[in-house]
C-alpha atoms as a PDB file:
ATOM      1  CA  LEU A   1      27.352  84.762 260.426  1.00  0.00           C
ATOM      2  CA  PHE A   2      28.201  84.410 256.725  1.00  0.00           C
ATOM      3  CA  GLN A   3      27.709  80.645 256.917  1.00  0.00           C
ATOM      4  CA  LEU A   4      24.223  81.073 258.417  1.00  0.00           C
ATOM      5  CA  VAL A   5      23.186  83.684 255.858  1.00  0.00           C
ATOM      6  CA  SER A   6      24.617  81.787 252.890  1.00  0.00           C
ATOM      7  CA  VAL A   7      22.869  78.567 253.930  1.00  0.00           C
ATOM      8  CA  LYS A   8      19.557  80.411 254.182  1.00  0.00           C
ATOM      9  CA  LEU A   9      20.098  82.090 250.808  1.00  0.00           C
ATOM     10  CA  VAL A  10      20.927  78.831 249.036  1.00  0.00           C
ATOM     11  CA  ALA A  11      18.009  77.033 250.696  1.00  0.00           C
ATOM     12  CA  THR A  12      15.503  79.716 249.771  1.00  0.00           C
ATOM     13  CA  MET A  13      16.728  79.919 246.194  1.00  0.00           C
ATOM     14  CA  ARG A  14      16.532  76.146 245.812  1.00  0.00           C
ATOM     15  CA  ALA A  15      12.983  76.194 247.191  1.00  0.00           C
ATOM     16  CA  GLU A  16      12.031  78.890 244.696  1.00  0.00           C
ATOM     17  CA  HIS A  17      13.507  76.762 241.883  1.00  0.00           C
ATOM     18  CA  ALA A  18      11.543  73.710 242.958  1.00  0.00           C
ATOM     19  CA  VAL A  19       8.207  75.223 243.972  1.00  0.00           C
ATOM     20  CA  VAL A  20       7.647  78.843 243.026  1.00  0.00           C
ATOM     21  CA  TYR A  21       9.307  79.467 239.685  1.00  0.00           C
ATOM     22  CA  PRO A  22       7.898  76.472 237.793  1.00  0.00           C
ATOM     23  CA  ARG A  23       4.349  77.516 238.725  1.00  0.00           C
ATOM     24  CA  PHE A  24       5.021  81.162 237.885  1.00  0.00           C
ATOM     25  CA  ALA A  25       6.425  80.197 234.495  1.00  0.00           C
ATOM     26  CA  LYS A  26       3.741  77.695 233.598  1.00  0.00           C
ATOM     27  CA  GLU A  27       0.580  79.126 235.118  1.00  0.00           C
ATOM     28  CA  ALA A  28       1.322  82.873 235.069  1.00  0.00           C
ATOM     29  CA  HIS A  29       3.313  82.699 231.805  1.00  0.00           C
ATOM     30  CA  LEU A  30       6.250  84.523 233.394  1.00  0.00           C
ATOM     31  CA  VAL A  31       8.890  82.560 231.475  1.00  0.00           C
ATOM     32  CA  GLU A  32      11.150  85.528 230.723  1.00  0.00           C
ATOM     33  CA  GLU A  33      10.884  86.882 234.275  1.00  0.00           C
ATOM     34  CA  VAL A  34      11.619  83.457 235.757  1.00  0.00           C
ATOM     35  CA  SER A  35      14.569  83.034 233.382  1.00  0.00           C
ATOM     36  CA  GLN A  36      15.957  86.356 234.626  1.00  0.00           C
ATOM     37  CA  ALA A  37      15.439  85.337 238.251  1.00  0.00           C
ATOM     38  CA  LEU A  38      17.264  82.047 237.620  1.00  0.00           C
ATOM     39  CA  LEU A  39      20.206  83.957 236.110  1.00  0.00           C
ATOM     40  CA  GLU A  40      20.275  86.207 239.163  1.00  0.00           C
ATOM     41  CA  HIS A  41      20.250  83.163 241.451  1.00  0.00           C
ATOM     42  CA  SER A  42      23.153  81.706 239.507  1.00  0.00           C
ATOM     43  CA  GLY A  43      25.202  84.866 240.080  1.00  0.00           C
ATOM     44  CA  ILE A  44      24.349  84.880 243.778  1.00  0.00           C
ATOM     45  CA  GLU A  45      25.346  81.230 244.153  1.00  0.00           C
ATOM     46  CA  ARG A  46      28.629  81.777 242.278  1.00  0.00           C
ATOM     47  CA  MET A  47      29.451  84.640 244.645  1.00  0.00           C
ATOM     48  CA  ILE A  48      28.597  82.477 247.671  1.00  0.00           C
ATOM     49  CA  ASP A  49      30.872  79.742 246.307  1.00  0.00           C
ATOM     50  CA  LEU A  50      33.688  82.249 245.834  1.00  0.00           C
ATOM     51  CA  LEU A  51      33.287  83.457 249.399  1.00  0.00           C
ATOM     52  CA  ARG A  52      33.168  79.898 250.760  1.00  0.00           C
ATOM     53  CA  VAL A  53      36.214  78.502 248.964  1.00  0.00           C
ATOM     54  CA  GLY A  54      37.908  81.362 247.142  1.00  0.00           C
ATOM     55  CA  GLY A  55      40.833  81.853 249.504  1.00  0.00           C
ATOM     56  CA  LEU A  56      40.270  85.598 249.460  1.00  0.00           C
ATOM     57  CA  ASN A  57      42.304  87.989 251.548  1.00  0.00           C
ATOM     58  CA  SER A  58      40.486  90.299 253.955  1.00  0.00           C
ATOM     59  CA  ASN A  59      39.971  93.176 251.498  1.00  0.00           C
ATOM     60  CA  GLU A  60      38.868  90.868 248.673  1.00  0.00           C
ATOM     61  CA  TRP A  61      36.461  89.104 251.024  1.00  0.00           C
ATOM     62  CA  CYS A  62      34.896  92.407 252.127  1.00  0.00           C
ATOM     63  CA  ASP A  63      34.524  93.491 248.493  1.00  0.00           C
ATOM     64  CA  ALA A  64      32.928  90.149 247.604  1.00  0.00           C
ATOM     65  CA  ILE A  65      30.506  90.447 250.555  1.00  0.00           C
ATOM     66  CA  ALA A  66      29.506  93.910 249.345  1.00  0.00           C
ATOM     67  CA  GLN A  67      28.975  92.560 245.826  1.00  0.00           C
ATOM     68  CA  LEU A  68      26.894  89.672 247.180  1.00  0.00           C
ATOM     69  CA  GLY A  69      24.773  92.172 249.090  1.00  0.00           C
ATOM     70  CA  SER A  70      24.173  94.135 245.889  1.00  0.00           C
ATOM     71  CA  LEU A  71      23.259  90.994 243.942  1.00  0.00           C
ATOM     72  CA  VAL A  72      20.775  89.926 246.610  1.00  0.00           C
ATOM     73  CA  ALA A  73      19.261  93.420 246.893  1.00  0.00           C
ATOM     74  CA  ASP A  74      18.859  93.710 243.110  1.00  0.00           C
ATOM     75  CA  HIS A  75      17.255  90.275 242.945  1.00  0.00           C
ATOM     76  CA  ALA A  76      14.878  91.061 245.813  1.00  0.00           C
ATOM     77  CA  ASP A  77      13.849  94.270 244.017  1.00  0.00           C
ATOM     78  CA  CYS A  78      13.133  92.291 240.843  1.00  0.00           C
ATOM     79  CA  GLU A  79      10.996  89.795 242.732  1.00  0.00           C
ATOM     80  CA  GLU A  80       9.163  92.357 244.859  1.00  0.00           C
ATOM     81  CA  CYS A  81       8.550  94.896 242.091  1.00  0.00           C
ATOM     82  CA  THR A  82       7.963  92.652 239.090  1.00  0.00           C
ATOM     83  CA  LEU A  83       7.717  88.902 239.546  1.00  0.00           C
ATOM     84  CA  PHE A  84       5.500  88.611 242.631  1.00  0.00           C
ATOM     85  CA  PRO A  85       3.083  91.464 241.790  1.00  0.00           C
ATOM     86  CA  ILE A  86       2.475  90.098 238.283  1.00  0.00           C
ATOM     87  CA  ALA A  87       2.057  86.541 239.584  1.00  0.00           C
ATOM     88  CA  SER A  88      -0.408  87.753 242.213  1.00  0.00           C
ATOM     89  CA  LEU A  89      -2.714  88.832 239.387  1.00  0.00           C
ATOM     90  CA  THR A  90      -2.849  85.237 238.115  1.00  0.00           C
ATOM     91  CA  PHE A  91      -3.242  83.262 241.335  1.00  0.00           C
ATOM     92  CA  ASP A  92      -6.105  83.471 243.777  1.00  0.00           C
ATOM     93  CA  THR A  93      -5.495  83.667 247.534  1.00  0.00           C
ATOM     94  CA  LYS A  94      -5.788  79.909 248.024  1.00  0.00           C
ATOM     95  CA  ALA A  95      -3.252  79.162 245.272  1.00  0.00           C
ATOM     96  CA  LEU A  96      -0.826  81.735 246.688  1.00  0.00           C
ATOM     97  CA  THR A  97      -1.255  80.244 250.163  1.00  0.00           C
ATOM     98  CA  ASP A  98      -0.596  76.743 248.795  1.00  0.00           C
ATOM     99  CA  ILE A  99       2.537  77.948 246.991  1.00  0.00           C
ATOM    100  CA  ALA A 100       3.738  79.638 250.183  1.00  0.00           C
ATOM    101  CA  LYS A 101       3.174  76.478 252.256  1.00  0.00           C
ATOM    102  CA  ASP A 102       4.953  74.290 249.707  1.00  0.00           C
ATOM    103  CA  TYR A 103       7.800  76.807 249.526  1.00  0.00           C
ATOM    104  CA  ALA A 104       8.209  76.921 253.332  1.00  0.00           C
ATOM    105  CA  ALA A 105       8.242  73.127 253.511  1.00  0.00           C
ATOM    106  CA  ARG A 106      10.890  72.943 250.773  1.00  0.00           C
ATOM    107  CA  VAL A 107      13.060  75.519 252.560  1.00  0.00           C
ATOM    108  CA  ARG A 108      12.950  73.370 255.720  1.00  0.00           C
ATOM    109  CA  GLU A 109      13.959  70.316 253.676  1.00  0.00           C
ATOM    110  CA  THR A 110      16.761  72.169 251.888  1.00  0.00           C
ATOM    111  CA  VAL A 111      18.458  73.959 254.801  1.00  0.00           C
ATOM    112  CA  PRO A 112      20.259  70.857 256.134  1.00  0.00           C
ATOM    113  CA  ILE A 113      22.046  70.280 252.824  1.00  0.00           C
ATOM    114  CA  ALA A 114      22.506  73.883 251.665  1.00  0.00           C
ATOM    115  CA  GLY A 115      25.546  74.450 253.869  1.00  0.00           C
ATOM    116  CA  ALA A 116      27.522  71.657 252.322  1.00  0.00           C
ATOM    117  CA  SER A 117      26.663  72.429 248.725  1.00  0.00           C
ATOM    118  CA  ILE A 118      29.093  74.074 246.399  1.00  0.00           C
ATOM    119  CA  THR A 119      26.777  74.902 243.573  1.00  0.00           C
ATOM    120  CA  TYR A 120      28.895  76.143 240.652  1.00  0.00           C
ATOM    121  CA  GLU A 121      26.472  75.607 237.772  1.00  0.00           C
ATOM    122  CA  LEU A 122      22.883  75.271 238.875  1.00  0.00           C
ATOM    123  CA  PRO A 123      20.952  72.965 236.565  1.00  0.00           C
ATOM    124  CA  VAL A 124      17.649  74.265 235.289  1.00  0.00           C
ATOM    125  CA  PRO A 125      14.908  71.720 236.028  1.00  0.00           C
ATOM    126  CA  GLU A 126      13.826  69.812 232.913  1.00  0.00           C
ATOM    127  CA  ALA A 127      10.281  71.167 233.094  1.00  0.00           C
ATOM    128  CA  MET A 128      11.655  74.712 233.113  1.00  0.00           C
ATOM    129  CA  GLN A 129      13.968  73.976 230.165  1.00  0.00           C
ATOM    130  CA  GLN A 130      11.010  72.775 228.111  1.00  0.00           C
ATOM    131  CA  LEU A 131       8.958  75.849 229.009  1.00  0.00           C
ATOM    132  CA  ILE A 132      11.812  78.144 228.026  1.00  0.00           C
ATOM    133  CA  VAL A 133      12.392  76.305 224.724  1.00  0.00           C
ATOM    134  CA  THR A 134       8.657  76.366 223.945  1.00  0.00           C
ATOM    135  CA  PHE A 135       8.363  80.050 224.787  1.00  0.00           C
ATOM    136  CA  ARG A 136      11.353  81.053 222.680  1.00  0.00           C
ATOM    137  CA  ALA A 137      10.130  78.986 219.721  1.00  0.00           C
ATOM    138  CA  ALA A 138       6.735  80.726 219.738  1.00  0.00           C
END
């Protein structure tokens, strides 16, 4: 069960990195919010990596699963209460539908490789790095 859930989590996060977050940062000017979401994804992926290869005993594994659940719940709250509602004010229904379709397609493409990935440090896409640098310089 953990393998199935972790693959889905990694795939969905990678799809957000590729499709959703760049548009939110650029078009909705949510650079700080996207930066926070990327940090949260990094923590989630590090916890998944620990669970996959950490050699944890039973108690440690259960504690790590609980911590992963908290990280995912906190991140979902951030997205549902802040990121998505603010972005929905910027995008019209057609744009949101297009983002959702592109996101779903990317998830389908990513799932087959998400199970084998050990992510460690997730690189920030170059376009996102430039947006973050530009925003911080302003």
